[in-house]
Protein backbone atom coordinates (compact mmCIF):
# COMPACT_ATOMS: atom_id res chain seq x y z
CA MET A 1 3.88 -22.84 -27.74
CA GLY A 2 1.86 -20.92 -25.17
CA LEU A 3 2.95 -18.04 -22.93
CA GLU A 4 1.15 -16.68 -19.89
CA ASP A 5 1.74 -14.41 -16.88
CA THR A 6 1.80 -16.12 -13.50
CA ILE A 7 -0.61 -15.02 -10.78
CA ARG A 8 1.08 -13.54 -7.73
CA SER A 9 1.08 -16.03 -4.88
CA ASN A 10 -0.51 -13.68 -2.34
CA THR A 11 -3.27 -12.30 -4.57
CA ARG A 12 -6.06 -14.47 -3.21
CA ALA A 13 -5.03 -13.76 0.38
CA VAL A 14 -5.01 -10.01 -0.34
CA ILE A 15 -8.51 -10.15 -1.80
CA SER A 16 -9.75 -12.13 1.23
CA ARG A 17 -8.25 -9.53 3.54
CA LEU A 18 -9.94 -6.71 1.60
CA ARG A 19 -13.29 -8.45 2.06
CA GLU A 20 -12.63 -8.72 5.80
CA LEU A 21 -12.08 -4.95 5.80
CA GLY A 22 -15.54 -4.42 4.30
CA ILE A 23 -14.75 -4.03 0.60
CA ARG A 24 -18.00 -5.17 -1.00
CA SER A 25 -17.04 -5.56 -4.67
CA ILE A 26 -13.69 -6.37 -6.30
CA SER A 27 -13.38 -6.46 -10.09
CA ILE A 28 -10.70 -6.91 -12.74
CA PHE A 29 -10.55 -4.42 -15.63
CA THR A 30 -8.20 -5.78 -18.29
CA GLY A 31 -7.49 -5.65 -21.99
CA ASP A 32 -6.89 -9.41 -22.10
CA ARG A 33 -9.26 -11.86 -23.76
CA LEU A 34 -12.35 -12.91 -21.83
CA SER A 35 -11.19 -16.53 -21.47
CA VAL A 36 -7.90 -15.46 -19.89
CA ALA A 37 -9.50 -12.86 -17.65
CA LYS A 38 -12.14 -15.31 -16.50
CA ARG A 39 -9.55 -17.94 -15.61
CA VAL A 40 -7.57 -15.41 -13.54
CA GLY A 41 -10.73 -14.02 -11.93
CA VAL A 42 -11.87 -17.45 -10.80
CA ALA A 43 -8.42 -18.30 -9.50
CA VAL A 44 -8.12 -15.19 -7.30
CA GLY A 45 -11.81 -14.93 -6.30
CA VAL A 46 -12.98 -11.56 -7.62
CA ASP A 47 -16.64 -10.55 -8.02
CA GLY A 48 -16.59 -9.24 -11.58
CA ILE A 49 -14.55 -9.09 -14.74
CA GLU A 50 -14.43 -6.48 -17.50
CA ALA A 51 -12.33 -8.06 -20.24
CA GLU A 52 -11.09 -6.76 -23.61
CA CYS A 53 -11.26 -3.18 -22.33
CA LEU A 54 -9.67 -0.33 -24.23
CA PRO A 55 -8.10 2.43 -22.07
CA GLU A 56 -11.03 4.77 -22.72
CA GLU A 57 -13.49 2.00 -21.79
CA LYS A 58 -11.73 1.52 -18.45
CA HIS A 59 -11.99 5.22 -17.86
CA LEU A 60 -15.71 5.29 -18.68
CA LEU A 61 -16.38 2.32 -16.39
CA ILE A 62 -14.64 3.99 -13.45
CA LYS A 63 -16.38 7.28 -14.22
CA ASP A 64 -19.79 5.60 -14.23
CA MET A 65 -19.04 3.87 -10.92
CA VAL A 66 -18.05 7.17 -9.27
CA LYS A 67 -21.19 8.89 -10.63
CA SER A 68 -23.33 6.02 -9.31
CA GLY A 69 -22.11 6.71 -5.79
CA TYR A 70 -19.53 3.96 -5.42
CA ARG A 71 -16.44 4.84 -3.40
CA THR A 72 -13.86 3.54 -5.85
CA LEU A 73 -10.27 2.50 -5.36
CA MET A 74 -8.32 1.47 -8.45
CA VAL A 75 -4.94 -0.21 -8.59
CA GLY A 76 -2.94 0.01 -11.84
CA ASP A 77 0.56 0.21 -13.21
CA GLY A 78 0.35 0.85 -16.95
CA ILE A 79 0.28 3.94 -19.13
CA ASN A 80 -3.30 3.18 -20.16
CA ASP A 81 -4.34 3.15 -16.47
CA GLY A 82 -3.51 6.86 -16.00
CA PRO A 83 -6.95 8.36 -16.80
CA SER A 84 -8.75 5.71 -14.74
CA LEU A 85 -6.45 6.21 -11.76
CA ALA A 86 -7.12 9.93 -11.89
CA GLU A 87 -10.89 9.41 -12.18
CA ALA A 88 -11.23 7.03 -9.22
CA ASP A 89 -11.79 8.33 -5.72
CA VAL A 90 -8.45 6.81 -4.77
CA GLY A 91 -5.92 5.77 -7.40
CA VAL A 92 -3.06 3.49 -6.36
CA ALA A 93 -0.05 3.08 -8.67
CA MET A 94 2.29 0.14 -8.23
CA GLY A 95 5.62 1.85 -7.84
CA LEU A 96 8.54 -0.21 -9.14
CA GLU A 97 7.04 -1.79 -12.25
CA GLY A 98 4.49 0.93 -12.92
CA SER A 99 4.89 3.71 -15.48
CA ASP A 100 5.61 7.32 -14.57
CA ILE A 101 2.27 8.38 -16.05
CA ALA A 102 0.38 5.98 -13.77
CA ALA A 103 2.36 7.12 -10.73
CA ASN A 104 1.70 10.80 -11.47
CA SER A 105 -2.00 10.23 -12.15
CA ALA A 106 -2.65 8.27 -8.95
CA GLY A 107 -3.27 9.70 -5.52
CA VAL A 108 -1.01 7.05 -3.92
CA ALA A 109 2.18 5.58 -5.36
CA LEU A 110 3.47 2.40 -3.69
CA MET A 111 7.24 2.12 -3.54
CA ASN A 112 7.16 -1.61 -4.16
CA ASP A 113 4.95 -4.08 -6.02
CA ASP A 114 3.68 -6.03 -3.02
CA LEU A 115 -0.09 -6.36 -3.20
CA SER A 116 -0.32 -6.84 0.56
CA ARG A 117 0.32 -3.09 0.88
CA ILE A 118 -3.20 -2.39 -0.38
CA PRO A 119 -5.05 -3.78 2.67
CA PHE A 120 -2.48 -2.04 4.87
CA LEU A 121 -3.18 1.20 3.00
CA VAL A 122 -6.91 0.83 3.71
CA GLU A 123 -6.26 0.14 7.39
CA LEU A 124 -3.80 3.02 7.68
CA SER A 125 -6.21 5.49 6.04
CA ARG A 126 -9.01 4.47 8.39
CA ARG A 127 -6.76 4.76 11.42
CA THR A 128 -5.57 8.17 10.22
CA ARG A 129 -9.16 9.39 9.82
CA ALA A 130 -10.06 8.12 13.30
CA ILE A 131 -7.09 9.82 14.91
CA THR A 132 -7.77 13.04 13.03
CA ALA A 133 -11.35 13.03 14.36
CA GLN A 134 -10.05 12.40 17.88
CA ASN A 135 -7.64 15.32 17.57
CA ILE A 136 -10.37 17.69 16.41
CA VAL A 137 -12.78 16.69 19.17
CA ALA A 138 -10.09 16.89 21.86
CA SER A 139 -8.88 20.29 20.63
CA VAL A 140 -12.41 21.72 20.68
CA LEU A 141 -13.10 20.35 24.17
CA ILE A 142 -9.82 21.69 25.53
CA ALA A 143 -10.54 25.12 24.04
CA LEU A 144 -14.08 25.16 25.49
CA VAL A 145 -12.83 24.17 28.95
CA GLY A 146 -10.21 26.91 28.75
CA LEU A 147 -12.82 29.49 27.84
CA ILE A 148 -15.01 28.41 30.73
CA LEU A 149 -12.12 28.58 33.19
CA ALA A 150 -11.14 32.02 31.96
CA ALA A 151 -14.71 33.37 31.96
CA THR A 152 -15.40 32.19 35.49
CA GLY A 153 -12.11 33.56 36.81
CA MET A 154 -10.93 30.22 38.11
CA ILE A 155 -7.49 30.62 36.54
CA THR A 156 -6.87 34.10 37.93
CA SER A 157 -7.94 32.93 41.37
CA ILE A 158 -4.74 30.89 41.84
CA GLY A 159 -2.64 34.08 41.99
CA LYS A 160 0.94 34.14 40.74
CA LEU A 161 0.65 30.69 39.16
CA ALA A 162 -2.14 31.88 36.87
CA LEU A 163 0.20 32.90 34.03
CA PRO A 164 2.28 29.68 33.98
CA VAL A 165 -0.88 27.55 34.22
CA ALA A 166 -2.54 29.52 31.40
CA ALA A 167 0.56 29.16 29.22
CA PHE A 168 0.74 25.40 29.87
CA TYR A 169 -2.96 24.98 29.17
CA HIS A 170 -2.56 26.91 25.93
CA PHE A 171 -0.16 24.27 24.65
CA ALA A 172 -2.02 21.30 26.14
CA GLY A 173 -4.12 20.85 22.98
CA ASP A 174 -1.02 20.86 20.76
CA ILE A 175 0.74 18.33 22.98
CA PHE A 176 -2.25 16.02 22.90
CA VAL A 177 -2.57 16.22 19.08
CA ILE A 178 1.12 15.51 18.54
CA GLY A 179 1.20 12.65 21.03
CA ASN A 180 -1.98 11.09 19.68
CA SER A 181 -0.71 11.34 16.12
CA PHE A 182 2.48 9.46 17.04
CA ARG A 183 0.28 6.38 17.36
CA LEU A 184 0.33 6.15 13.57
CA PHE A 185 4.05 5.34 13.69
CA ARG A 186 3.33 2.40 16.00
CA PHE A 187 0.52 1.24 13.73
CA GLY A 188 2.94 0.31 10.96
CA GLU A 189 5.43 -1.51 13.17
CA GLY A 190 3.54 -4.81 13.10
CA PHE A 191 3.34 -4.72 9.33
CA ALA A 192 7.07 -3.92 9.05
CA GLU A 193 7.96 -6.80 11.37
CA ALA A 194 5.86 -9.19 9.31
CA GLU A 195 7.76 -8.16 6.18
CA LYS A 196 11.18 -9.02 7.62
CA PRO A 197 12.47 -12.28 6.17
CA GLY A 198 12.74 -14.99 8.76
CA GLU A 199 15.52 -17.47 9.18
CA VAL A 200 15.49 -20.07 6.43
CA LYS A 201 16.13 -23.56 7.70
CA ALA A 202 18.66 -25.47 5.64
CA LEU A 203 17.26 -28.47 3.79
CA GLY A 204 18.68 -31.88 4.52
CA ARG A 205 20.95 -33.42 1.92
CA ARG A 206 20.41 -36.75 0.25
CA ALA A 207 22.80 -38.80 -1.87
CA GLY A 208 21.18 -37.40 -4.98
CA SER A 209 21.05 -33.78 -3.74
CA VAL A 210 22.83 -31.01 -5.62
CA ARG A 211 23.09 -27.45 -4.33
CA GLY A 212 24.42 -24.18 -5.78
CA LEU A 213 23.92 -24.98 -9.47
CA ALA A 214 23.58 -21.31 -10.36
CA THR A 215 26.84 -20.42 -8.58
CA GLN A 216 28.62 -23.37 -10.15
CA GLY A 217 27.43 -22.31 -13.58
CA VAL A 218 28.80 -18.79 -13.08
CA LEU A 219 32.13 -20.19 -11.92
CA ARG A 220 32.33 -22.48 -14.96
CA ASP A 221 31.62 -19.53 -17.25
CA CYS A 222 34.33 -17.47 -15.58
CA LYS A 223 36.84 -20.30 -15.93
CA ALA A 224 35.91 -20.73 -19.60
CA VAL A 225 36.42 -17.00 -20.25
CA LYS A 226 39.83 -17.08 -18.53
CA ALA A 227 40.85 -20.18 -20.51
CA SER A 228 39.79 -18.52 -23.77
CA ALA A 229 41.74 -15.39 -22.83
CA ARG A 230 44.89 -17.43 -22.18
CA ALA A 231 44.46 -19.33 -25.46
CA GLY A 232 44.06 -16.06 -27.34
CA ALA A 233 47.20 -14.76 -25.73
CA LEU A 234 49.18 -17.82 -26.90
CA PHE A 235 48.18 -17.20 -30.47
């Protein structure tokens, strides 16, 4: 008798998407035997495998990668992944099935176990960094323009409207930063729409088709329990 874990159906697609985003090296660190790890690695298309790793060996491998200048992202869910998640530049804990130690050690805790969230996380972080840079540059430019207008007396030259204009201009930078940051909410809408389950088309029935076996089994069990209860009452 042999037992094995099944590979998640979207794993290969997630790894392909990470490569499209510029991730140069993807590896598996596992405590499983080399033969098992190699089979999984070939199936999902990773670059490297570190099999039969003890928890401290995982931690040392991640530590060496960080010291060598690699920008490291590690995904884990077990208790033995805690030190490695904390050592990586970015640690991602898989939320539902992961341990509390892994979630507390990681910098990011996913609220579900969908691997497709990892490429989305990379895209979201890059978009956040870009928008933050835009906000900083725009704020500095608005402040410099305001200083130039004030120093040259152009604001005071408009008379009674000078104070309202100056007050509005004072908040212009804040308004731009808030409005520009709202783009991050729109960024996740496409991903959320893709996650919504679509309508499932009913399959056609044949003469030999049987549907609802699980429901029928539950109903049979309930009827058997009721029948047993009645028989026990008679005795």
